[in-house]
N, C-alpha and C. Protein backbone atom coordinates (compact mmCIF):
# COMPACT_ATOMS: atom_id res chain seq x y z
N MET A 1 -14.24 7.23 9.08
CA MET A 1 -13.52 7.40 7.77
C MET A 1 -13.28 8.96 7.51
N ARG A 2 -12.09 9.10 6.68
CA ARG A 2 -11.83 10.41 6.54
C ARG A 2 -12.82 11.36 5.54
N GLY A 3 -13.39 10.43 4.65
CA GLY A 3 -14.46 11.16 3.93
C GLY A 3 -15.41 10.17 3.22
N VAL A 4 -16.25 10.55 2.46
CA VAL A 4 -17.26 9.56 1.77
C VAL A 4 -16.67 9.17 0.44
N PRO A 5 -17.15 8.20 -0.05
CA PRO A 5 -16.83 7.67 -1.51
C PRO A 5 -17.03 8.82 -2.42
N GLY A 6 -16.14 8.94 -3.22
CA GLY A 6 -16.16 10.16 -4.23
C GLY A 6 -15.61 11.39 -3.87
N SER A 7 -15.20 11.45 -2.45
CA SER A 7 -14.62 12.87 -2.02
C SER A 7 -13.25 12.87 -2.35
N GLU A 8 -12.63 14.12 -2.29
CA GLU A 8 -11.22 14.31 -2.53
C GLU A 8 -10.27 13.53 -1.46
N GLU A 9 -10.70 13.37 -0.25
CA GLU A 9 -9.83 12.78 0.71
C GLU A 9 -9.80 11.19 0.43
N MET A 10 -10.87 10.63 -0.24
CA MET A 10 -10.77 9.19 -0.30
C MET A 10 -10.27 8.97 -1.83
N LYS A 11 -10.04 9.89 -2.79
CA LYS A 11 -9.59 9.61 -4.06
C LYS A 11 -8.32 8.63 -3.95
N PRO A 12 -7.24 9.10 -3.28
CA PRO A 12 -6.01 8.27 -3.39
C PRO A 12 -6.46 6.81 -3.00
N LEU A 13 -7.16 6.48 -2.09
CA LEU A 13 -7.58 5.09 -1.86
C LEU A 13 -8.48 4.34 -2.92
N GLU A 14 -9.32 5.27 -3.39
CA GLU A 14 -10.11 4.66 -4.37
C GLU A 14 -9.28 4.21 -5.69
N ASP A 15 -8.32 5.12 -5.97
CA ASP A 15 -7.41 4.96 -7.08
C ASP A 15 -6.64 3.68 -6.72
N LEU A 16 -6.18 3.52 -5.57
CA LEU A 16 -5.48 2.20 -5.20
C LEU A 16 -6.39 0.97 -5.41
N ILE A 17 -7.54 1.04 -4.82
CA ILE A 17 -8.55 -0.04 -5.15
C ILE A 17 -8.59 -0.34 -6.51
N HIS A 18 -8.97 0.65 -7.39
CA HIS A 18 -9.15 0.45 -8.82
C HIS A 18 -7.88 -0.05 -9.49
N LYS A 19 -6.72 0.10 -9.12
CA LYS A 19 -5.50 -0.46 -9.57
C LYS A 19 -5.56 -1.76 -9.58
N TYR A 20 -5.89 -2.41 -8.66
CA TYR A 20 -6.02 -3.94 -8.49
C TYR A 20 -7.45 -4.50 -8.70
N TYR A 21 -8.54 -3.77 -8.56
CA TYR A 21 -9.74 -4.20 -8.86
C TYR A 21 -10.58 -3.16 -9.64
N PRO A 22 -10.30 -3.11 -10.99
CA PRO A 22 -10.79 -2.01 -11.76
C PRO A 22 -12.35 -2.01 -11.77
N ASP A 23 -12.85 -2.99 -11.56
CA ASP A 23 -14.38 -3.09 -11.69
C ASP A 23 -15.16 -3.04 -10.58
N GLU A 24 -14.16 -2.69 -9.39
CA GLU A 24 -14.87 -2.54 -8.04
C GLU A 24 -15.91 -1.24 -7.92
N LYS A 25 -17.10 -1.44 -7.36
CA LYS A 25 -17.99 -0.32 -7.34
C LYS A 25 -17.65 0.13 -5.86
N ILE A 26 -17.12 1.43 -5.85
CA ILE A 26 -16.60 1.89 -4.52
C ILE A 26 -17.82 2.35 -3.62
N GLN A 27 -17.78 1.79 -2.42
CA GLN A 27 -18.75 2.01 -1.38
C GLN A 27 -18.08 2.23 -0.02
N GLN A 28 -18.65 2.54 0.91
CA GLN A 28 -17.97 2.83 2.35
C GLN A 28 -17.34 1.34 2.76
N PHE A 29 -17.81 0.32 2.43
CA PHE A 29 -17.25 -0.93 3.00
C PHE A 29 -15.94 -1.29 2.20
N SER A 30 -15.88 -0.50 1.17
CA SER A 30 -14.54 -0.72 0.28
C SER A 30 -13.27 -0.41 1.12
N PHE A 31 -13.42 0.52 2.18
CA PHE A 31 -12.19 1.04 2.82
C PHE A 31 -12.02 0.41 4.24
N LEU A 32 -13.02 -0.48 4.50
CA LEU A 32 -12.86 -0.97 6.05
C LEU A 32 -11.54 -1.73 6.38
N GLY A 33 -10.79 -2.34 5.44
CA GLY A 33 -9.70 -3.00 6.02
C GLY A 33 -8.40 -2.26 5.78
N ILE A 34 -8.49 -1.22 5.04
CA ILE A 34 -7.28 -0.70 4.80
C ILE A 34 -6.46 -0.08 5.96
N SER A 35 -7.18 0.70 6.80
CA SER A 35 -6.35 1.21 7.95
C SER A 35 -5.68 0.24 8.65
N GLY A 36 -6.42 -1.10 8.91
CA GLY A 36 -5.98 -2.12 9.66
C GLY A 36 -4.72 -2.66 9.06
N ALA A 37 -4.72 -2.85 7.57
CA ALA A 37 -3.72 -3.35 6.89
C ALA A 37 -2.42 -2.49 6.91
N VAL A 38 -2.74 -0.99 6.63
CA VAL A 38 -1.56 -0.26 6.89
C VAL A 38 -0.90 -0.19 8.14
N LEU A 39 -1.51 -0.39 9.36
CA LEU A 39 -0.95 -0.53 10.69
C LEU A 39 -0.17 -1.74 10.84
N MET A 40 -0.70 -2.87 10.18
CA MET A 40 0.09 -4.27 10.32
C MET A 40 1.33 -4.18 9.55
N VAL A 41 1.32 -3.55 8.31
CA VAL A 41 2.43 -3.40 7.58
C VAL A 41 3.47 -2.56 8.20
N ASP A 42 3.16 -1.55 8.86
CA ASP A 42 3.95 -0.66 9.49
C ASP A 42 4.64 -1.28 10.74
N ALA A 43 3.85 -2.25 11.49
CA ALA A 43 4.57 -2.84 12.56
C ALA A 43 5.49 -3.91 12.19
N LEU A 44 4.95 -4.58 10.99
CA LEU A 44 5.82 -5.67 10.59
C LEU A 44 7.19 -4.87 10.17
N LYS A 45 7.30 -3.83 9.44
CA LYS A 45 8.47 -3.26 9.10
C LYS A 45 9.45 -2.79 10.44
N ARG A 46 8.69 -2.31 11.35
CA ARG A 46 9.26 -1.91 12.58
C ARG A 46 9.74 -3.02 13.49
N SER A 47 9.30 -4.28 13.17
CA SER A 47 9.48 -5.34 14.09
C SER A 47 10.99 -5.83 13.87
N GLY A 48 11.52 -5.49 12.57
CA GLY A 48 12.90 -6.00 12.34
C GLY A 48 13.01 -7.20 11.67
N ARG A 49 14.06 -7.60 11.34
CA ARG A 49 14.51 -8.89 10.64
C ARG A 49 14.21 -10.19 11.61
N ASP A 50 14.27 -9.99 12.83
CA ASP A 50 14.01 -10.98 13.74
C ASP A 50 12.43 -11.04 14.36
N LEU A 51 11.66 -11.37 13.23
CA LEU A 51 10.34 -11.04 13.33
C LEU A 51 9.83 -12.42 14.30
N ASN A 52 9.15 -12.05 15.37
CA ASN A 52 8.43 -13.07 16.22
C ASN A 52 7.36 -12.31 16.84
N ARG A 53 6.52 -13.10 17.57
CA ARG A 53 5.39 -12.60 18.16
C ARG A 53 5.67 -11.53 19.17
N GLN A 54 6.69 -11.57 20.02
CA GLN A 54 6.95 -10.57 20.97
C GLN A 54 7.36 -9.24 20.43
N ASN A 55 8.24 -9.33 19.24
CA ASN A 55 8.91 -8.07 18.64
C ASN A 55 7.74 -7.55 17.87
N PHE A 56 6.70 -8.19 17.22
CA PHE A 56 5.54 -7.66 16.65
C PHE A 56 4.62 -6.88 17.51
N LEU A 57 4.35 -7.57 18.66
CA LEU A 57 3.41 -6.98 19.80
C LEU A 57 4.18 -5.52 20.29
N ALA A 58 5.52 -5.65 20.39
CA ALA A 58 6.21 -4.50 20.92
C ALA A 58 6.06 -3.38 19.98
N ALA A 59 6.30 -3.68 18.63
CA ALA A 59 6.25 -2.69 17.51
C ALA A 59 4.75 -2.10 17.57
N LEU A 60 3.65 -2.81 17.63
CA LEU A 60 2.38 -2.46 17.61
C LEU A 60 2.24 -1.40 18.89
N GLU A 61 2.64 -1.75 20.02
CA GLU A 61 2.48 -0.89 21.24
C GLU A 61 3.40 0.31 21.21
N GLN A 62 4.27 0.46 20.30
CA GLN A 62 5.13 1.59 20.11
C GLN A 62 4.55 2.56 18.93
N THR A 63 3.37 2.24 18.33
CA THR A 63 2.78 2.92 17.18
C THR A 63 2.29 4.28 17.81
N LYS A 64 2.83 5.43 17.23
CA LYS A 64 2.43 6.65 17.68
C LYS A 64 2.21 7.68 16.38
N GLY A 65 1.01 8.19 16.28
CA GLY A 65 0.83 9.07 15.24
C GLY A 65 0.76 8.60 13.84
N LEU A 66 0.43 7.27 13.65
CA LEU A 66 0.42 6.60 12.33
C LEU A 66 -0.78 7.08 11.48
N ASP A 67 -0.54 7.70 10.32
CA ASP A 67 -1.60 7.84 9.43
C ASP A 67 -1.81 6.96 8.65
N ALA A 68 -2.84 6.18 9.12
CA ALA A 68 -3.49 4.84 8.32
C ALA A 68 -4.41 5.12 7.32
N ARG A 69 -4.21 6.37 6.59
CA ARG A 69 -4.86 6.61 5.25
C ARG A 69 -6.44 6.81 5.28
N GLY A 70 -7.05 5.80 5.45
CA GLY A 70 -8.53 5.96 5.53
C GLY A 70 -9.19 6.45 6.72
N ALA A 71 -8.50 6.23 8.02
CA ALA A 71 -8.99 6.58 9.14
C ALA A 71 -8.97 7.96 9.53
N ASP A 72 -9.90 8.58 10.01
CA ASP A 72 -10.10 9.91 10.30
C ASP A 72 -9.35 10.33 11.69
N CYS A 73 -8.11 9.57 12.04
CA CYS A 73 -7.55 9.77 13.17
C CYS A 73 -5.94 9.26 13.01
N LYS A 74 -5.26 9.63 13.88
CA LYS A 74 -3.82 9.15 13.94
C LYS A 74 -3.91 7.89 14.85
N ILE A 75 -3.19 6.79 14.43
CA ILE A 75 -3.17 5.61 15.25
C ILE A 75 -2.19 5.50 16.16
N GLU A 76 -2.58 5.36 17.52
CA GLU A 76 -1.55 5.27 18.54
C GLU A 76 -1.97 4.13 19.52
N PHE A 77 -0.81 3.51 20.12
CA PHE A 77 -1.05 2.42 20.90
C PHE A 77 0.01 2.60 22.13
N SER A 78 -0.24 1.96 23.12
CA SER A 78 0.76 1.90 24.28
C SER A 78 0.58 0.41 24.78
N PRO A 79 1.56 0.05 25.83
CA PRO A 79 1.43 -1.23 26.27
C PRO A 79 0.14 -1.48 27.06
N THR A 80 -0.40 -0.31 27.74
CA THR A 80 -1.70 -0.36 28.39
C THR A 80 -2.87 0.10 27.75
N ASP A 81 -2.64 0.69 26.52
CA ASP A 81 -3.90 1.28 25.59
C ASP A 81 -3.82 0.62 24.35
N HIS A 82 -4.87 -0.20 24.05
CA HIS A 82 -4.91 -0.69 22.63
C HIS A 82 -6.05 -0.11 21.79
N GLN A 83 -6.63 1.04 22.27
CA GLN A 83 -7.62 1.61 21.46
C GLN A 83 -6.88 2.61 20.47
N ALA A 84 -7.14 2.16 19.24
CA ALA A 84 -6.05 2.91 18.18
C ALA A 84 -6.79 4.23 18.03
N CYS A 85 -7.81 4.63 17.89
CA CYS A 85 -8.55 5.75 17.51
C CYS A 85 -9.36 6.28 18.73
N LYS A 86 -9.12 7.54 19.15
CA LYS A 86 -9.61 8.08 20.26
C LYS A 86 -10.74 9.16 19.94
N THR A 87 -10.85 9.46 18.58
CA THR A 87 -11.61 10.55 18.15
C THR A 87 -12.72 10.11 17.09
């Protein structure tokens, strides 16, 4: 994670969570799915209007330097390397 709950780094994500879940008690687990969701939305957008499995996987494998917000790394994939964060 980019920071701990309550830190300046995580404030934008905490604000987003509270927008939809105002009573949510923020803890580290609150952020677990956000980076994956950002990646999926990015790949879906880049897949184009002819969305199918092949186009979606190709878009994922072309992901380079994606800021997935909560993650403390840039997300990168290639056709032969599916480990998103290396740091």
